[in-house]
């Protein structure tokens, strides 16, 4: 399975606190949306690092990378 945030594969053999290990992430943080704390539709697979970078924000945007063409 891939990380919802960065799109890179998650190595499930890695253990916490490895930054590339699996972390269940709330799309909408339950601190600001307590009604969604136990809603499975609000949880995505993430790398621990990506989850930590996102913090208690609604989401973060990873860079899109290089353009395929100059416009």
PDB file of N, CA and C in Angstrom:
ATOM      1  N   UNK A   1       0.844  -1.173   0.000  1.00  0.00           N
ATOM      2  CA  UNK A   1       0.000   0.000   0.000  1.00  0.00           C
ATOM      3  C   UNK A   1       0.894   1.242   0.000  1.00  0.00           C
ATOM      4  N   UNK A   2       0.396   2.306  -0.590  1.00  0.00           N
ATOM      5  CA  UNK A   2       1.167   3.552  -0.680  1.00  0.00           C
ATOM      6  C   UNK A   2       0.721   4.554   0.373  1.00  0.00           C
ATOM      7  N   UNK A   3       1.622   5.455   0.671  1.00  0.00           N
ATOM      8  CA  UNK A   3       1.335   6.547   1.594  1.00  0.00           C
ATOM      9  C   UNK A   3       0.344   7.509   0.923  1.00  0.00           C
ATOM     10  N   UNK A   4      -0.710   7.853   1.631  1.00  0.00           N
ATOM     11  CA  UNK A   4      -1.726   8.742   1.089  1.00  0.00           C
ATOM     12  C   UNK A   4      -1.143  10.113   0.787  1.00  0.00           C
ATOM     13  N   UNK A   5      -0.168  10.544   1.534  1.00  0.00           N
ATOM     14  CA  UNK A   5       0.383  11.891   1.382  1.00  0.00           C
ATOM     15  C   UNK A   5       1.409  11.994   0.253  1.00  0.00           C
ATOM     16  N   UNK A   6       2.403  11.092   0.231  1.00  0.00           N
ATOM     17  CA  UNK A   6       3.489  11.235  -0.742  1.00  0.00           C
ATOM     18  C   UNK A   6       3.391  10.262  -1.909  1.00  0.00           C
ATOM     19  N   UNK A   7       2.541   9.240  -1.781  1.00  0.00           N
ATOM     20  CA  UNK A   7       2.357   8.284  -2.870  1.00  0.00           C
ATOM     21  C   UNK A   7       3.431   7.213  -2.976  1.00  0.00           C
ATOM     22  N   UNK A   8       4.400   7.220  -2.070  1.00  0.00           N
ATOM     23  CA  UNK A   8       5.475   6.229  -2.087  1.00  0.00           C
ATOM     24  C   UNK A   8       5.053   4.985  -1.299  1.00  0.00           C
ATOM     25  N   UNK A   9       5.604   3.818  -1.662  1.00  0.00           N
ATOM     26  CA  UNK A   9       5.250   2.589  -0.953  1.00  0.00           C
ATOM     27  C   UNK A   9       5.641   2.661   0.528  1.00  0.00           C
ATOM     28  N   UNK A  10       4.873   1.959   1.352  1.00  0.00           N
ATOM     29  CA  UNK A  10       5.166   1.849   2.781  1.00  0.00           C
ATOM     30  C   UNK A  10       5.757   0.467   3.026  1.00  0.00           C
ATOM     31  N   UNK A  11       6.896   0.419   3.684  1.00  0.00           N
ATOM     32  CA  UNK A  11       7.531  -0.843   4.042  1.00  0.00           C
ATOM     33  C   UNK A  11       6.994  -1.249   5.414  1.00  0.00           C
ATOM     34  N   UNK A  12       6.062  -2.204   5.415  1.00  0.00           N
ATOM     35  CA  UNK A  12       5.403  -2.595   6.659  1.00  0.00           C
ATOM     36  C   UNK A  12       6.301  -3.416   7.579  1.00  0.00           C
ATOM     37  N   UNK A  13       7.497  -3.778   7.121  1.00  0.00           N
ATOM     38  CA  UNK A  13       8.418  -4.498   7.998  1.00  0.00           C
ATOM     39  C   UNK A  13       9.176  -3.536   8.912  1.00  0.00           C
ATOM     40  N   UNK A  14       9.147  -2.250   8.597  1.00  0.00           N
ATOM     41  CA  UNK A  14       9.821  -1.260   9.444  1.00  0.00           C
ATOM     42  C   UNK A  14       9.004  -1.011  10.703  1.00  0.00           C
ATOM     43  N   UNK A  15       9.685  -0.813  11.791  1.00  0.00           N
ATOM     44  CA  UNK A  15       9.025  -0.606  13.080  1.00  0.00           C
ATOM     45  C   UNK A  15       9.139   0.843  13.520  1.00  0.00           C
ATOM     46  N   UNK A  16       8.162   1.311  14.291  1.00  0.00           N
ATOM     47  CA  UNK A  16       8.216   2.613  14.941  1.00  0.00           C
ATOM     48  C   UNK A  16       9.480   2.652  15.789  1.00  0.00           C
ATOM     49  N   UNK A  17      10.245   3.689  15.777  1.00  0.00           N
ATOM     50  CA  UNK A  17      10.027   5.038  15.267  1.00  0.00           C
ATOM     51  C   UNK A  17      10.714   5.325  13.931  1.00  0.00           C
ATOM     52  N   UNK A  18      10.938   4.301  13.107  1.00  0.00           N
ATOM     53  CA  UNK A  18      11.527   4.555  11.789  1.00  0.00           C
ATOM     54  C   UNK A  18      10.630   5.524  11.021  1.00  0.00           C
ATOM     55  N   UNK A  19      11.171   6.592  10.449  1.00  0.00           N
ATOM     56  CA  UNK A  19      10.347   7.596   9.773  1.00  0.00           C
ATOM     57  C   UNK A  19       9.576   7.048   8.579  1.00  0.00           C
ATOM     58  N   UNK A  20      10.023   5.912   8.018  1.00  0.00           N
ATOM     59  CA  UNK A  20       9.318   5.321   6.879  1.00  0.00           C
ATOM     60  C   UNK A  20       8.357   4.209   7.287  1.00  0.00           C
ATOM     61  N   UNK A  21       8.175   4.006   8.594  1.00  0.00           N
ATOM     62  CA  UNK A  21       7.254   2.974   9.061  1.00  0.00           C
ATOM     63  C   UNK A  21       5.801   3.428   8.871  1.00  0.00           C
ATOM     64  N   UNK A  22       4.889   2.476   8.979  1.00  0.00           N
ATOM     65  CA  UNK A  22       3.459   2.741   8.825  1.00  0.00           C
ATOM     66  C   UNK A  22       2.923   3.588   9.974  1.00  0.00           C
ATOM     67  N   UNK A  23       2.009   4.476   9.630  1.00  0.00           N
ATOM     68  CA  UNK A  23       1.277   5.250  10.627  1.00  0.00           C
ATOM     69  C   UNK A  23      -0.140   5.465  10.117  1.00  0.00           C
ATOM     70  N   UNK A  24      -1.124   5.182  10.938  1.00  0.00           N
ATOM     71  CA  UNK A  24      -2.517   5.487  10.586  1.00  0.00           C
ATOM     72  C   UNK A  24      -2.732   6.975  10.829  1.00  0.00           C
ATOM     73  N   UNK A  25      -3.197   7.671   9.820  1.00  0.00           N
ATOM     74  CA  UNK A  25      -3.335   9.120   9.911  1.00  0.00           C
ATOM     75  C   UNK A  25      -4.785   9.533   9.738  1.00  0.00           C
ATOM     76  N   UNK A  26      -5.222  10.459  10.563  1.00  0.00           N
ATOM     77  CA  UNK A  26      -6.559  11.039  10.421  1.00  0.00           C
ATOM     78  C   UNK A  26      -6.480  12.173   9.408  1.00  0.00           C
ATOM     79  N   UNK A  27      -7.284  12.086   8.353  1.00  0.00           N
ATOM     80  CA  UNK A  27      -7.300  13.161   7.359  1.00  0.00           C
ATOM     81  C   UNK A  27      -7.709  14.474   8.005  1.00  0.00           C
ATOM     82  N   UNK A  28      -8.760  14.427   8.761  1.00  0.00           N
ATOM     83  CA  UNK A  28      -9.189  15.586   9.543  1.00  0.00           C
ATOM     84  C   UNK A  28      -8.860  15.265  10.995  1.00  0.00           C
ATOM     85  N   UNK A  29      -7.913  15.984  11.571  1.00  0.00           N
ATOM     86  CA  UNK A  29      -7.454  15.668  12.923  1.00  0.00           C
ATOM     87  C   UNK A  29      -8.603  15.635  13.929  1.00  0.00           C
ATOM     88  N   UNK A  30      -8.585  14.607  14.762  1.00  0.00           N
ATOM     89  CA  UNK A  30      -9.693  14.472  15.713  1.00  0.00           C
ATOM     90  C   UNK A  30      -9.650  15.530  16.800  1.00  0.00           C
ATOM     91  N   UNK A  31      -8.523  16.204  16.954  1.00  0.00           N
ATOM     92  CA  UNK A  31      -8.476  17.299  17.932  1.00  0.00           C
ATOM     93  C   UNK A  31      -9.452  18.407  17.529  1.00  0.00           C
ATOM     94  N   UNK A  32      -9.572  18.643  16.234  1.00  0.00           N
ATOM     95  CA  UNK A  32     -10.498  19.672  15.753  1.00  0.00           C
ATOM     96  C   UNK A  32     -11.825  19.116  15.277  1.00  0.00           C
ATOM     97  N   UNK A  33     -11.888  17.794  15.119  1.00  0.00           N
ATOM     98  CA  UNK A  33     -13.105  17.122  14.647  1.00  0.00           C
ATOM     99  C   UNK A  33     -13.348  15.876  15.495  1.00  0.00           C
ATOM    100  N   UNK A  34     -13.677  16.057  16.773  1.00  0.00           N
ATOM    101  CA  UNK A  34     -13.806  14.896  17.660  1.00  0.00           C
ATOM    102  C   UNK A  34     -14.844  13.881  17.195  1.00  0.00           C
ATOM    103  N   UNK A  35     -15.812  14.318  16.429  1.00  0.00           N
ATOM    104  CA  UNK A  35     -16.844  13.401  15.929  1.00  0.00           C
ATOM    105  C   UNK A  35     -16.280  12.407  14.910  1.00  0.00           C
ATOM    106  N   UNK A  36     -15.093  12.705  14.356  1.00  0.00           N
ATOM    107  CA  UNK A  36     -14.479  11.833  13.348  1.00  0.00           C
ATOM    108  C   UNK A  36     -13.387  10.935  13.909  1.00  0.00           C
ATOM    109  N   UNK A  37     -13.176  10.985  15.219  1.00  0.00           N
ATOM    110  CA  UNK A  37     -12.072  10.237  15.829  1.00  0.00           C
ATOM    111  C   UNK A  37     -12.125   8.751  15.506  1.00  0.00           C
ATOM    112  N   UNK A  38     -13.292   8.143  15.537  1.00  0.00           N
ATOM    113  CA  UNK A  38     -13.421   6.706  15.304  1.00  0.00           C
ATOM    114  C   UNK A  38     -14.058   6.382  13.958  1.00  0.00           C
ATOM    115  N   UNK A  39     -14.097   7.342  13.057  1.00  0.00           N
ATOM    116  CA  UNK A  39     -14.677   7.134  11.724  1.00  0.00           C
ATOM    117  C   UNK A  39     -13.623   6.525  10.806  1.00  0.00           C
ATOM    118  N   UNK A  40     -13.795   5.271  10.363  1.00  0.00           N
ATOM    119  CA  UNK A  40     -12.780   4.640   9.522  1.00  0.00           C
ATOM    120  C   UNK A  40     -12.586   5.353   8.177  1.00  0.00           C
ATOM    121  N   UNK A  41     -13.567   6.107   7.727  1.00  0.00           N
ATOM    122  CA  UNK A  41     -13.441   6.853   6.474  1.00  0.00           C
ATOM    123  C   UNK A  41     -12.492   8.046   6.632  1.00  0.00           C
ATOM    124  N   UNK A  42     -12.119   8.379   7.863  1.00  0.00           N
ATOM    125  CA  UNK A  42     -11.244   9.513   8.130  1.00  0.00           C
ATOM    126  C   UNK A  42      -9.792   9.082   8.345  1.00  0.00           C
ATOM    127  N   UNK A  43      -9.488   7.792   8.139  1.00  0.00           N
ATOM    128  CA  UNK A  43      -8.151   7.268   8.402  1.00  0.00           C
ATOM    129  C   UNK A  43      -7.514   6.780   7.099  1.00  0.00           C
ATOM    130  N   UNK A  44      -6.244   7.156   6.893  1.00  0.00           N
ATOM    131  CA  UNK A  44      -5.506   6.720   5.711  1.00  0.00           C
ATOM    132  C   UNK A  44      -4.147   6.171   6.130  1.00  0.00           C
ATOM    133  N   UNK A  45      -3.546   5.372   5.252  1.00  0.00           N
ATOM    134  CA  UNK A  45      -2.198   4.854   5.481  1.00  0.00           C
ATOM    135  C   UNK A  45      -1.187   5.945   5.181  1.00  0.00           C
ATOM    136  N   UNK A  46      -0.177   6.016   6.014  1.00  0.00           N
ATOM    137  CA  UNK A  46       0.804   7.078   5.893  1.00  0.00           C
ATOM    138  C   UNK A  46       2.148   6.594   6.404  1.00  0.00           C
ATOM    139  N   UNK A  47       3.218   7.217   5.934  1.00  0.00           N
ATOM    140  CA  UNK A  47       4.511   7.044   6.584  1.00  0.00           C
ATOM    141  C   UNK A  47       4.467   7.840   7.889  1.00  0.00           C
ATOM    142  N   UNK A  48       5.177   7.384   8.892  1.00  0.00           N
ATOM    143  CA  UNK A  48       5.249   8.110  10.151  1.00  0.00           C
ATOM    144  C   UNK A  48       5.740   9.534   9.905  1.00  0.00           C
ATOM    145  N   UNK A  49       6.780   9.678   9.080  1.00  0.00           N
ATOM    146  CA  UNK A  49       7.339  11.000   8.778  1.00  0.00           C
ATOM    147  C   UNK A  49       6.285  11.909   8.147  1.00  0.00           C
ATOM    148  N   UNK A  50       5.536  11.405   7.179  1.00  0.00           N
ATOM    149  CA  UNK A  50       4.515  12.219   6.511  1.00  0.00           C
ATOM    150  C   UNK A  50       3.428  12.635   7.492  1.00  0.00           C
ATOM    151  N   UNK A  51       3.056  11.722   8.386  1.00  0.00           N
ATOM    152  CA  UNK A  51       2.055  12.024   9.401  1.00  0.00           C
ATOM    153  C   UNK A  51       2.583  13.108  10.343  1.00  0.00           C
ATOM    154  N   UNK A  52       3.842  13.003  10.743  1.00  0.00           N
ATOM    155  CA  UNK A  52       4.418  13.987  11.656  1.00  0.00           C
ATOM    156  C   UNK A  52       4.551  15.356  10.991  1.00  0.00           C
ATOM    157  N   UNK A  53       4.903  15.390   9.713  1.00  0.00           N
ATOM    158  CA  UNK A  53       5.008  16.663   8.996  1.00  0.00           C
ATOM    159  C   UNK A  53       3.638  17.320   8.906  1.00  0.00           C
ATOM    160  N   UNK A  54       2.624  16.524   8.646  1.00  0.00           N
ATOM    161  CA  UNK A  54       1.265  17.048   8.562  1.00  0.00           C
ATOM    162  C   UNK A  54       0.826  17.601   9.906  1.00  0.00           C
ATOM    163  N   UNK A  55       1.213  16.925  10.983  1.00  0.00           N
ATOM    164  CA  UNK A  55       0.838  17.388  12.321  1.00  0.00           C
ATOM    165  C   UNK A  55      -0.663  17.443  12.500  1.00  0.00           C
ATOM    166  N   UNK A  56      -1.157  18.512  13.107  1.00  0.00           N
ATOM    167  CA  UNK A  56      -2.590  18.634  13.355  1.00  0.00           C
ATOM    168  C   UNK A  56      -3.277  19.461  12.270  1.00  0.00           C
ATOM    169  N   UNK A  57      -2.608  19.634  11.133  1.00  0.00           N
ATOM    170  CA  UNK A  57      -3.222  20.335  10.011  1.00  0.00           C
ATOM    171  C   UNK A  57      -4.184  19.410   9.284  1.00  0.00           C
ATOM    172  N   UNK A  58      -5.040  19.978   8.483  1.00  0.00           N
ATOM    173  CA  UNK A  58      -6.001  19.190   7.701  1.00  0.00           C
ATOM    174  C   UNK A  58      -5.280  18.308   6.689  1.00  0.00           C
ATOM    175  N   UNK A  59      -4.256  18.812   6.082  1.00  0.00           N
ATOM    176  CA  UNK A  59      -3.491  18.051   5.098  1.00  0.00           C
ATOM    177  C   UNK A  59      -2.207  18.805   4.810  1.00  0.00           C
ATOM    178  N   UNK A  60      -1.286  18.166   4.118  1.00  0.00           N
ATOM    179  CA  UNK A  60      -0.127  18.876   3.606  1.00  0.00           C
ATOM    180  C   UNK A  60       0.048  18.450   2.165  1.00  0.00           C
ATOM    181  N   UNK A  61       0.646  19.288   1.374  1.00  0.00           N
ATOM    182  CA  UNK A  61       0.845  18.978  -0.041  1.00  0.00           C
ATOM    183  C   UNK A  61       2.316  18.724  -0.296  1.00  0.00           C
ATOM    184  N   UNK A  62       2.611  17.521  -0.723  1.00  0.00           N
ATOM    185  CA  UNK A  62       3.976  17.220  -1.129  1.00  0.00           C
ATOM    186  C   UNK A  62       4.213  17.879  -2.477  1.00  0.00           C
ATOM    187  N   UNK A  63       5.444  18.197  -2.777  1.00  0.00           N
ATOM    188  CA  UNK A  63       5.750  18.812  -4.060  1.00  0.00           C
ATOM    189  C   UNK A  63       5.321  17.937  -5.219  1.00  0.00           C
ATOM    190  N   UNK A  64       4.972  18.556  -6.309  1.00  0.00           N
ATOM    191  CA  UNK A  64       4.530  17.802  -7.474  1.00  0.00           C
ATOM    192  C   UNK A  64       5.692  17.269  -8.292  1.00  0.00           C
ATOM    193  N   UNK A  65       6.890  17.754  -8.057  1.00  0.00           N
ATOM    194  CA  UNK A  65       8.031  17.282  -8.810  1.00  0.00           C
ATOM    195  C   UNK A  65       8.301  18.148 -10.019  1.00  0.00           C
ATOM    196  N   UNK A  66       9.083  17.624 -10.939  1.00  0.00           N
ATOM    197  CA  UNK A  66       9.462  18.380 -12.124  1.00  0.00           C
ATOM    198  C   UNK A  66       8.364  18.330 -13.169  1.00  0.00           C
ATOM    199  N   UNK A  67       8.256  19.407 -13.913  1.00  0.00           N
ATOM    200  CA  UNK A  67       7.309  19.439 -15.025  1.00  0.00           C
ATOM    201  C   UNK A  67       7.828  18.550 -16.160  1.00  0.00           C
ATOM    202  N   UNK A  68       6.919  17.920 -16.873  1.00  0.00           N
ATOM    203  CA  UNK A  68       7.325  17.082 -17.992  1.00  0.00           C
ATOM    204  C   UNK A  68       7.667  17.922 -19.215  1.00  0.00           C
ATOM    205  N   UNK A  69       7.130  19.141 -19.284  1.00  0.00           N
ATOM    206  CA  UNK A  69       7.389  20.045 -20.398  1.00  0.00           C
ATOM    207  C   UNK A  69       7.443  21.468 -19.873  1.00  0.00           C
ATOM    208  N   UNK A  70       8.143  22.321 -20.596  1.00  0.00           N
ATOM    209  CA  UNK A  70       8.124  23.751 -20.281  1.00  0.00           C
ATOM    210  C   UNK A  70       6.919  24.357 -20.960  1.00  0.00           C
ATOM    211  N   UNK A  71       6.148  25.122 -20.234  1.00  0.00           N
ATOM    212  CA  UNK A  71       4.979  25.778 -20.822  1.00  0.00           C
ATOM    213  C   UNK A  71       5.197  27.265 -20.861  1.00  0.00           C
TER     214      UNK A  71
END
